[in-house]
N, C-alpha and C. Protein backbone atom coordinates (compact mmCIF):
# COMPACT_ATOMS: atom_id res chain seq x y z
N MET A 1 5.23 -13.39 -8.13
CA MET A 1 4.45 -12.26 -7.67
C MET A 1 3.56 -12.72 -6.51
N VAL A 2 3.48 -11.89 -5.50
CA VAL A 2 2.63 -12.17 -4.36
C VAL A 2 1.20 -11.76 -4.64
N GLY A 3 1.01 -10.59 -5.25
CA GLY A 3 -0.34 -10.14 -5.53
C GLY A 3 -0.36 -8.86 -6.33
N LYS A 4 -1.55 -8.50 -6.77
CA LYS A 4 -1.74 -7.27 -7.54
C LYS A 4 -3.03 -6.61 -7.11
N ILE A 5 -2.97 -5.31 -6.86
CA ILE A 5 -4.15 -4.54 -6.49
C ILE A 5 -4.70 -3.93 -7.76
N GLU A 6 -5.95 -4.14 -8.05
CA GLU A 6 -6.60 -3.61 -9.24
C GLU A 6 -7.74 -2.70 -8.81
N PRO A 7 -8.30 -1.91 -9.63
CA PRO A 7 -8.01 -1.68 -11.03
C PRO A 7 -7.21 -0.42 -11.27
N ARG A 8 -7.36 0.60 -10.41
CA ARG A 8 -6.78 1.91 -10.69
C ARG A 8 -5.30 1.95 -10.32
N PHE A 9 -4.46 2.18 -11.29
CA PHE A 9 -3.02 2.24 -11.07
C PHE A 9 -2.55 1.01 -10.29
N GLY A 10 -2.96 -0.16 -10.75
CA GLY A 10 -2.68 -1.41 -10.06
C GLY A 10 -1.25 -1.53 -9.56
N ALA A 11 -1.09 -1.95 -8.34
CA ALA A 11 0.22 -2.12 -7.74
C ALA A 11 0.55 -3.60 -7.67
N GLU A 12 1.70 -3.97 -8.22
CA GLU A 12 2.17 -5.34 -8.12
C GLU A 12 3.09 -5.44 -6.91
N VAL A 13 2.87 -6.47 -6.10
CA VAL A 13 3.71 -6.70 -4.93
C VAL A 13 4.39 -8.05 -5.12
N TYR A 14 5.72 -8.05 -4.97
CA TYR A 14 6.45 -9.30 -5.17
C TYR A 14 7.72 -9.32 -4.34
N ILE A 15 8.30 -10.50 -4.20
CA ILE A 15 9.56 -10.68 -3.50
C ILE A 15 10.65 -10.83 -4.55
N SER A 16 11.68 -9.98 -4.45
CA SER A 16 12.76 -10.00 -5.43
C SER A 16 13.68 -11.19 -5.20
N ASP A 17 14.55 -11.43 -6.15
CA ASP A 17 15.53 -12.51 -6.01
C ASP A 17 16.42 -12.30 -4.78
N ALA A 18 16.62 -11.04 -4.39
CA ALA A 18 17.45 -10.71 -3.23
C ALA A 18 16.66 -10.82 -1.92
N GLY A 19 15.37 -11.16 -2.00
CA GLY A 19 14.55 -11.32 -0.81
C GLY A 19 13.92 -10.04 -0.30
N ASN A 20 13.91 -8.99 -1.11
CA ASN A 20 13.27 -7.73 -0.74
C ASN A 20 11.81 -7.72 -1.19
N ILE A 21 10.98 -6.99 -0.45
CA ILE A 21 9.59 -6.80 -0.84
C ILE A 21 9.56 -5.62 -1.81
N CYS A 22 8.98 -5.82 -2.97
CA CYS A 22 8.94 -4.78 -4.00
C CYS A 22 7.50 -4.45 -4.35
N ILE A 23 7.24 -3.18 -4.54
CA ILE A 23 5.93 -2.71 -4.98
C ILE A 23 6.15 -1.89 -6.24
N LYS A 24 5.54 -2.34 -7.32
CA LYS A 24 5.68 -1.66 -8.61
C LYS A 24 4.30 -1.19 -9.04
N GLN A 25 4.24 0.06 -9.49
CA GLN A 25 2.97 0.61 -9.93
C GLN A 25 3.13 1.12 -11.36
N ASP A 26 2.27 0.63 -12.24
CA ASP A 26 2.29 1.06 -13.63
C ASP A 26 1.59 2.41 -13.73
N GLN A 27 2.35 3.42 -14.10
CA GLN A 27 1.79 4.76 -14.23
C GLN A 27 1.74 5.20 -15.68
N GLY A 28 1.92 4.26 -16.59
CA GLY A 28 1.83 4.58 -18.00
C GLY A 28 3.00 5.37 -18.54
N ILE A 29 4.12 5.33 -17.85
CA ILE A 29 5.32 6.01 -18.35
C ILE A 29 6.37 4.97 -18.70
N ARG A 30 7.35 5.38 -19.41
CA ARG A 30 8.37 4.45 -19.90
C ARG A 30 9.19 3.85 -18.76
N GLU A 31 9.59 4.65 -17.80
CA GLU A 31 10.44 4.20 -16.70
C GLU A 31 9.60 3.54 -15.60
N GLU A 32 10.02 2.34 -15.16
CA GLU A 32 9.30 1.67 -14.07
C GLU A 32 9.67 2.30 -12.74
N LEU A 33 8.68 2.47 -11.89
CA LEU A 33 8.90 2.98 -10.55
C LEU A 33 8.67 1.84 -9.57
N ILE A 34 9.67 1.52 -8.78
CA ILE A 34 9.58 0.39 -7.86
C ILE A 34 10.03 0.83 -6.47
N LEU A 35 9.20 0.56 -5.47
CA LEU A 35 9.59 0.75 -4.08
C LEU A 35 10.16 -0.56 -3.58
N ILE A 36 11.31 -0.50 -2.92
CA ILE A 36 11.97 -1.72 -2.44
C ILE A 36 12.16 -1.61 -0.93
N PHE A 37 11.67 -2.62 -0.22
CA PHE A 37 11.77 -2.67 1.23
C PHE A 37 12.53 -3.92 1.63
N ASN A 38 13.57 -3.73 2.46
CA ASN A 38 14.28 -4.92 2.93
C ASN A 38 13.49 -5.57 4.05
N GLU A 39 13.91 -6.72 4.45
CA GLU A 39 13.17 -7.51 5.44
C GLU A 39 12.93 -6.72 6.73
N GLY A 40 13.90 -5.94 7.16
CA GLY A 40 13.77 -5.16 8.39
C GLY A 40 12.76 -4.04 8.29
N GLU A 41 12.44 -3.60 7.09
CA GLU A 41 11.49 -2.50 6.91
C GLU A 41 10.05 -2.98 6.75
N VAL A 42 9.87 -4.25 6.47
CA VAL A 42 8.53 -4.75 6.16
C VAL A 42 7.58 -4.61 7.35
N ASP A 43 8.03 -4.98 8.54
CA ASP A 43 7.15 -4.85 9.72
C ASP A 43 6.76 -3.40 9.96
N GLU A 44 7.72 -2.48 9.78
CA GLU A 44 7.43 -1.07 9.95
C GLU A 44 6.42 -0.58 8.91
N LEU A 45 6.58 -1.04 7.67
CA LEU A 45 5.64 -0.69 6.61
C LEU A 45 4.24 -1.19 6.94
N ILE A 46 4.14 -2.41 7.41
CA ILE A 46 2.84 -2.98 7.78
C ILE A 46 2.22 -2.19 8.92
N ASP A 47 3.02 -1.80 9.92
CA ASP A 47 2.50 -1.00 11.03
C ASP A 47 1.98 0.35 10.53
N LEU A 48 2.73 0.99 9.62
CA LEU A 48 2.29 2.27 9.08
C LEU A 48 0.99 2.14 8.29
N LEU A 49 0.88 1.08 7.49
CA LEU A 49 -0.34 0.87 6.72
C LEU A 49 -1.53 0.56 7.62
N ASN A 50 -1.30 -0.22 8.68
CA ASN A 50 -2.37 -0.50 9.63
C ASN A 50 -2.83 0.76 10.35
N GLN A 51 -1.88 1.64 10.71
CA GLN A 51 -2.25 2.91 11.35
C GLN A 51 -3.03 3.78 10.39
N ALA A 52 -2.61 3.83 9.13
CA ALA A 52 -3.34 4.62 8.13
C ALA A 52 -4.76 4.09 7.97
N LYS A 53 -4.90 2.77 8.01
CA LYS A 53 -6.23 2.15 7.89
C LYS A 53 -7.11 2.53 9.08
N ARG A 54 -6.54 2.48 10.29
CA ARG A 54 -7.31 2.85 11.48
C ARG A 54 -7.71 4.32 11.42
N ASP A 55 -6.78 5.18 10.99
CA ASP A 55 -7.10 6.62 10.88
C ASP A 55 -8.21 6.86 9.87
N LEU A 56 -8.15 6.16 8.73
CA LEU A 56 -9.18 6.32 7.71
C LEU A 56 -10.53 5.84 8.22
N GLU A 57 -10.55 4.71 8.93
CA GLU A 57 -11.79 4.19 9.48
C GLU A 57 -12.38 5.18 10.49
N GLU A 58 -11.53 5.80 11.32
CA GLU A 58 -12.00 6.78 12.29
C GLU A 58 -12.55 8.01 11.59
N GLU A 59 -11.87 8.45 10.55
CA GLU A 59 -12.34 9.61 9.78
C GLU A 59 -13.70 9.32 9.16
N ARG A 60 -13.87 8.14 8.61
CA ARG A 60 -15.16 7.77 8.01
C ARG A 60 -16.26 7.71 9.07
N ARG A 61 -15.91 7.19 10.26
CA ARG A 61 -16.88 7.10 11.34
C ARG A 61 -17.34 8.50 11.76
N VAL A 62 -16.41 9.43 11.88
CA VAL A 62 -16.75 10.80 12.27
C VAL A 62 -17.62 11.46 11.22
N VAL A 63 -17.28 11.29 9.96
CA VAL A 63 -18.08 11.87 8.87
C VAL A 63 -19.50 11.30 8.90
N GLN A 64 -19.61 10.00 9.07
CA GLN A 64 -20.94 9.38 9.11
C GLN A 64 -21.73 9.88 10.32
N GLU A 65 -21.05 9.98 11.46
CA GLU A 65 -21.71 10.47 12.67
C GLU A 65 -22.20 11.91 12.47
N ASN A 66 -21.38 12.74 11.84
CA ASN A 66 -21.77 14.14 11.59
C ASN A 66 -22.94 14.22 10.62
N GLU A 67 -22.96 13.33 9.64
CA GLU A 67 -24.08 13.33 8.66
C GLU A 67 -25.38 12.91 9.33
N GLU A 68 -25.29 12.05 10.33
CA GLU A 68 -26.48 11.57 11.02
C GLU A 68 -27.05 12.59 11.98
N ASN A 69 -26.23 13.55 12.40
CA ASN A 69 -26.69 14.57 13.37
C ASN A 69 -27.17 15.80 12.72
């Protein structure tokens, strides 16, 4: 396992035997739900997550700026 995000609906991130990046999230149900990304998709996933992070930071900045005015 590469890592685990805690505490709420913790996501486990690991590399499968086939070399894919896998993200598994325990949702308290019987069937496991796993997202599988091949090597070619990983960079795109990282870019999307970085863009989401930038968008969220900008949204927070605007909210804070509006609260200050």
